[in-house]
Amino acid sequence: MTYRLLALDLDGTVMGRSSAISPRIKRTIERALEKGVVVTLATGRVFGSALPFAQELGIRAPIISSQGAMIRAPLKRPLAEWTIPLALAHRLIAVGREAGLQLSAYVGDILCLESQGPQVYPPSVEVKVVEDLFSSLPGEPHKMRFEGDEGVIWTLASLLPEQFRGLLNLARPDPFSLQATHREASKGQGLAYLARHLGIPREEVMAIGDYDNDVDMVAWAGLGVAMGNASPRLLAVADEVVPPLDEEGAAVAIERYILK
C-alpha cells in the first residue's frame, strides 16, 4: 500500500520533554515530503505552539491542532474549527473547581488561566492570567484542559464522558491532564476531515501516536501505528507497533511503511 497522507503526533512521538527533534526523524520526514507524501502534525497543542515545529520540519500542509479543534495551514486562515459553547465551558470550570484541579482554556492562541506555573510558552501563545476564568473568557474556547493529581484525572476521565455524552470529546494526552473539545473535534475526526479535503482515501492515510488522545486517529487511519512507549489503550487499536521514542520509532515507521 502507498500512503499519501502521514499524520504525526508531536509530544511523545516526534519529540520528548526537551522538545528537540532528532536529525534522523527530521531527515525521514524530509524524505517523505520529497516523495510527495502530505505530512501533517496532529497535536493537542494550539496552532501557535505547534507552528514552529511544523516550520522546523518543512511541513506546509494544514496542521491538526488543539486536539482536532482547529485545522489550519501556516500563514493561512483556519480551514475548519470547532469551539466549545460558553454554557458548556462554564460547566467544565465548575467541575474543575469542585475537583480541585487547575483548569485552562484556549481561545485560538490565547491561553486563559487563573494562575501560571513554571511552564514556558512560545511567543506565539498569548498567556492571560485572570482572576476569574468563569467571567473572563474572551470567546468560545477551542480546548479546555484539566491538570492535577493522576488519580483525580483518572476518575474524571471515567465519569465525565457520561455526564457530557454527545456534548464534548474528552481525551487524556498524559496521565496528569484531561482535555475537552467540541463533540466534533478530535484528532481522528480532524484527520478524516483533512483527508476528505485533500481527496485522499482512508486506506492511504498513516497515523503515528503514543497516548490515549491519539486513539481515534490511529484507529481511523488506514495504517495506525503506536510507539513502543504508547499507552495500553492505544496499543490495543494500533495495526503496528514500532520502537519507543528514545529509539526514534517515528523514523522507523516512516522508513518501514513510506520510504520502503
Protein backbone atom coordinates (compact mmCIF):
# COMPACT_ATOMS: atom_id res chain seq x y z
CA MET A 1 0.00 0.00 0.00
CA THR A 2 1.18 3.52 -0.83
CA TYR A 3 0.45 6.05 1.90
CA ARG A 4 -0.15 9.59 0.65
CA LEU A 5 -1.01 11.33 3.95
CA LEU A 6 1.01 10.97 7.15
CA ALA A 7 -0.25 12.36 10.48
CA LEU A 8 2.26 12.65 13.30
CA ASP A 9 1.57 13.30 16.95
CA LEU A 10 4.22 15.63 18.40
CA ASP A 11 4.86 15.07 22.11
CA GLY A 12 5.93 11.52 22.90
CA THR A 13 6.09 10.59 19.21
CA VAL A 14 8.25 13.07 17.29
CA MET A 15 9.92 14.63 20.34
CA GLY A 16 10.29 14.26 24.09
CA ARG A 17 10.28 16.67 27.02
CA SER A 18 13.22 18.64 25.63
CA SER A 19 11.15 19.50 22.51
CA ALA A 20 14.19 18.58 20.40
CA ILE A 21 13.57 16.61 17.20
CA SER A 22 16.35 14.18 16.29
CA PRO A 23 18.23 14.55 13.00
CA ARG A 24 17.07 11.09 11.92
CA ILE A 25 13.41 11.94 12.39
CA LYS A 26 13.86 15.25 10.59
CA ARG A 27 15.54 13.50 7.69
CA THR A 28 12.90 10.79 7.31
CA ILE A 29 10.14 13.42 7.30
CA GLU A 30 12.07 15.42 4.71
CA ARG A 31 12.41 12.32 2.53
CA ALA A 32 8.68 11.59 2.85
CA LEU A 33 7.91 15.14 1.73
CA GLU A 34 10.32 14.79 -1.19
CA LYS A 35 8.46 11.63 -2.17
CA GLY A 36 5.23 13.65 -2.43
CA VAL A 37 3.62 12.49 0.82
CA VAL A 38 1.47 15.08 2.55
CA VAL A 39 2.73 15.32 6.13
CA THR A 40 0.73 16.94 8.92
CA LEU A 41 1.03 17.29 12.68
CA ALA A 42 -1.90 16.15 14.83
CA THR A 43 -1.41 17.57 18.30
CA GLY A 44 -3.13 18.73 21.43
CA ARG A 45 -1.03 21.89 21.25
CA VAL A 46 -2.65 25.07 20.00
CA PHE A 47 -1.78 26.20 16.49
CA GLY A 48 0.73 28.82 17.58
CA SER A 49 2.58 26.32 19.74
CA ALA A 50 2.68 23.67 17.00
CA LEU A 51 3.61 26.02 14.16
CA PRO A 52 7.35 26.37 14.99
CA PHE A 53 7.75 22.60 14.83
CA ALA A 54 5.89 22.40 11.51
CA GLN A 55 8.22 25.08 10.14
CA GLU A 56 11.27 23.26 11.50
CA LEU A 57 10.14 20.11 9.69
CA GLY A 58 9.22 21.85 6.43
CA ILE A 59 5.53 20.99 6.78
CA ARG A 60 3.25 23.25 4.76
CA ALA A 61 0.03 21.24 4.92
CA PRO A 62 -2.74 22.22 7.33
CA ILE A 63 -1.94 21.29 10.94
CA ILE A 64 -4.49 19.48 13.12
CA SER A 65 -4.12 21.42 16.38
CA SER A 66 -5.94 21.88 19.70
CA GLN A 67 -6.82 18.17 19.79
CA GLY A 68 -8.55 18.47 16.41
CA ALA A 69 -10.45 21.70 17.18
CA MET A 70 -8.56 23.70 14.54
CA ILE A 71 -7.20 22.69 11.14
CA ARG A 72 -5.02 25.42 9.72
CA ALA A 73 -2.10 25.78 7.33
CA PRO A 74 0.82 28.09 8.10
CA LEU A 75 0.17 31.72 7.08
CA LYS A 76 -3.48 30.96 6.24
CA ARG A 77 -6.86 31.27 7.90
CA PRO A 78 -8.31 28.13 9.53
CA LEU A 79 -9.58 25.51 7.12
CA ALA A 80 -12.01 24.37 9.82
CA GLU A 81 -12.51 24.94 13.53
CA TRP A 82 -14.86 23.88 16.32
CA THR A 83 -15.34 25.63 19.67
CA ILE A 84 -16.95 24.74 23.00
CA PRO A 85 -20.17 26.69 23.67
CA LEU A 86 -19.77 29.02 26.65
CA ALA A 87 -22.51 27.27 28.62
CA LEU A 88 -20.53 24.01 28.43
CA ALA A 89 -17.27 25.83 29.19
CA HIS A 90 -18.83 27.23 32.36
CA ARG A 91 -19.94 23.74 33.39
CA LEU A 92 -16.38 22.48 32.91
CA ILE A 93 -14.99 25.30 35.03
CA ALA A 94 -17.38 24.32 37.83
CA VAL A 95 -16.29 20.67 37.56
CA GLY A 96 -12.61 21.64 37.68
CA ARG A 97 -13.07 23.80 40.75
CA GLU A 98 -15.05 21.12 42.58
CA ALA A 99 -12.30 18.58 41.83
CA GLY A 100 -9.54 20.95 42.94
CA LEU A 101 -7.80 20.88 39.55
CA GLN A 102 -6.11 23.63 37.58
CA LEU A 103 -8.15 24.48 34.53
CA SER A 104 -7.04 26.41 31.48
CA ALA A 105 -8.96 27.49 28.39
CA TYR A 106 -7.53 28.07 24.92
CA VAL A 107 -9.35 30.57 22.73
CA GLY A 108 -7.40 30.34 19.49
CA ASP A 109 -3.82 31.05 20.56
CA ILE A 110 -4.89 32.85 23.74
CA LEU A 111 -4.33 30.78 26.88
CA CYS A 112 -6.54 31.85 29.80
CA LEU A 113 -5.81 30.57 33.31
CA GLU A 114 -6.16 31.71 36.89
CA SER A 115 -2.58 31.00 37.96
CA GLN A 116 0.60 30.44 35.95
CA GLY A 117 3.15 27.80 36.86
CA PRO A 118 6.76 27.47 35.69
CA GLN A 119 5.87 26.31 32.18
CA VAL A 120 7.29 28.46 29.39
CA TYR A 121 5.05 29.12 26.37
CA PRO A 122 6.18 30.15 22.87
CA PRO A 123 5.84 33.84 21.93
CA SER A 124 3.02 32.96 19.55
CA VAL A 125 0.82 31.93 22.51
CA GLU A 126 -0.67 34.87 24.43
CA VAL A 127 -0.99 34.00 28.14
CA LYS A 128 -3.73 35.77 30.08
CA VAL A 129 -3.78 35.24 33.85
CA VAL A 130 -7.28 36.18 35.03
CA GLU A 131 -8.87 36.49 38.42
CA ASP A 132 -11.99 34.55 37.48
CA LEU A 133 -11.93 32.24 34.47
CA PHE A 134 -15.71 31.88 34.56
CA SER A 135 -16.31 35.55 33.75
CA SER A 136 -13.13 36.30 31.77
CA LEU A 137 -13.22 34.05 28.70
CA PRO A 138 -12.73 36.26 25.61
CA GLY A 139 -14.75 33.86 23.45
CA GLU A 140 -15.72 30.24 22.99
CA PRO A 141 -12.66 28.07 23.72
CA HIS A 142 -11.26 25.61 21.20
CA LYS A 143 -9.93 23.47 24.04
CA MET A 144 -10.09 23.27 27.82
CA ARG A 145 -7.58 21.39 29.94
CA PHE A 146 -7.71 19.95 33.46
CA GLU A 147 -4.38 19.35 35.19
CA GLY A 148 -3.57 17.82 38.56
CA ASP A 149 -3.38 14.60 40.55
CA GLU A 150 -3.24 11.47 38.39
CA GLY A 151 -5.92 9.70 40.43
CA VAL A 152 -8.34 12.63 40.19
CA ILE A 153 -7.71 12.94 36.45
CA TRP A 154 -8.36 9.21 36.00
CA THR A 155 -11.63 9.50 37.93
CA LEU A 156 -12.78 12.45 35.83
CA ALA A 157 -11.81 10.65 32.63
CA SER A 158 -14.06 7.80 33.76
CA LEU A 159 -17.05 9.90 34.88
CA LEU A 160 -17.24 12.92 32.57
CA PRO A 161 -17.93 11.05 29.31
CA GLU A 162 -21.31 10.01 30.73
CA GLN A 163 -22.04 13.47 32.14
CA PHE A 164 -21.20 15.20 28.84
CA ARG A 165 -22.25 12.41 26.46
CA GLY A 166 -22.86 13.77 22.96
CA LEU A 167 -21.72 17.24 24.01
CA LEU A 168 -17.92 17.07 24.26
CA ASN A 169 -14.91 15.00 23.33
CA LEU A 170 -12.66 14.14 26.26
CA ALA A 171 -9.14 12.75 25.92
CA ARG A 172 -6.05 12.30 28.08
CA PRO A 173 -2.78 13.49 26.49
CA ASP A 174 -0.80 12.25 29.51
CA PRO A 175 -1.54 10.76 32.97
CA PHE A 176 -1.86 14.18 34.65
CA SER A 177 -4.24 16.02 32.35
CA LEU A 178 -7.56 15.73 30.57
CA GLN A 179 -8.59 17.80 27.55
CA ALA A 180 -12.10 18.75 26.46
CA THR A 181 -13.10 19.84 22.96
CA HIS A 182 -16.26 20.25 20.90
CA ARG A 183 -18.01 16.94 20.23
CA GLU A 184 -16.86 17.03 16.58
CA ALA A 185 -13.26 17.87 17.46
CA SER A 186 -10.73 15.09 17.96
CA LYS A 187 -7.54 14.08 16.22
CA GLY A 188 -9.33 11.28 14.40
CA GLN A 189 -12.17 13.48 13.18
CA GLY A 190 -9.68 16.17 12.22
CA LEU A 191 -7.61 13.71 10.21
CA ALA A 192 -10.71 12.38 8.45
CA TYR A 193 -11.72 15.97 7.57
CA LEU A 194 -8.27 16.79 6.21
CA ALA A 195 -8.12 13.57 4.18
CA ARG A 196 -11.50 14.36 2.59
CA HIS A 197 -10.36 17.91 1.86
CA LEU A 198 -7.24 16.58 0.12
CA GLY A 199 -9.14 13.83 -1.72
CA ILE A 200 -7.07 11.08 -0.11
CA PRO A 201 -8.90 7.86 0.82
CA ARG A 202 -8.68 6.49 4.34
CA GLU A 203 -6.73 3.47 3.14
CA GLU A 204 -3.88 5.74 2.04
CA VAL A 205 -3.56 7.52 5.39
CA MET A 206 -0.98 6.60 8.03
CA ALA A 207 -1.01 7.96 11.60
CA ILE A 208 1.50 7.59 14.43
CA GLY A 209 0.81 8.34 18.10
CA ASP A 210 1.67 7.41 21.66
CA TYR A 211 -1.20 8.12 24.08
CA ASP A 212 -4.95 7.97 24.73
CA ASN A 213 -5.70 11.20 22.85
CA ASP A 214 -4.34 9.53 19.70
CA VAL A 215 -6.67 6.52 19.90
CA ASP A 216 -9.38 7.57 17.43
CA MET A 217 -6.77 8.91 14.97
CA VAL A 218 -4.72 5.71 14.99
CA ALA A 219 -7.90 3.61 14.81
CA TRP A 220 -9.28 5.61 11.86
CA ALA A 221 -6.13 5.65 9.70
CA GLY A 222 -5.59 3.03 7.03
CA LEU A 223 -2.39 2.21 8.91
CA GLY A 224 -2.41 3.11 12.59
CA VAL A 225 0.98 2.95 14.29
CA ALA A 226 1.69 3.03 18.01
CA MET A 227 5.01 3.95 19.53
CA GLY A 228 6.64 1.33 21.74
CA ASN A 229 6.10 3.71 24.68
CA ALA A 230 2.37 4.02 23.89
CA SER A 231 -0.45 3.72 26.42
CA PRO A 232 -2.32 0.37 26.67
CA ARG A 233 -5.45 1.88 25.08
CA LEU A 234 -3.51 2.99 22.03
CA LEU A 235 -1.61 -0.27 21.70
CA ALA A 236 -4.96 -2.08 21.66
CA VAL A 237 -6.16 -0.30 18.49
CA ALA A 238 -2.88 0.02 16.56
CA ASP A 239 -2.17 -2.01 13.43
CA GLU A 240 1.56 -1.88 14.01
CA VAL A 241 3.93 -1.07 16.89
CA VAL A 242 7.36 0.49 16.38
CA PRO A 243 10.20 1.16 18.84
CA PRO A 244 9.72 3.82 21.54
CA LEU A 245 10.59 7.50 21.31
CA ASP A 246 14.13 7.06 22.64
CA GLU A 247 14.79 4.63 19.78
CA GLU A 248 13.31 7.01 17.18
CA GLY A 249 10.30 4.85 16.48
CA ALA A 250 8.64 7.52 14.32
CA ALA A 251 11.61 7.41 11.95
CA VAL A 252 11.46 3.61 11.91
CA ALA A 253 7.77 3.74 10.95
CA ILE A 254 8.34 6.24 8.13
CA GLU A 255 11.28 4.24 6.79
CA ARG A 256 9.39 0.95 7.02
CA TYR A 257 6.00 1.91 5.61
CA ILE A 258 6.58 5.01 3.45
CA LEU A 259 10.19 5.03 2.27
CA LYS A 260 10.47 1.28 1.71
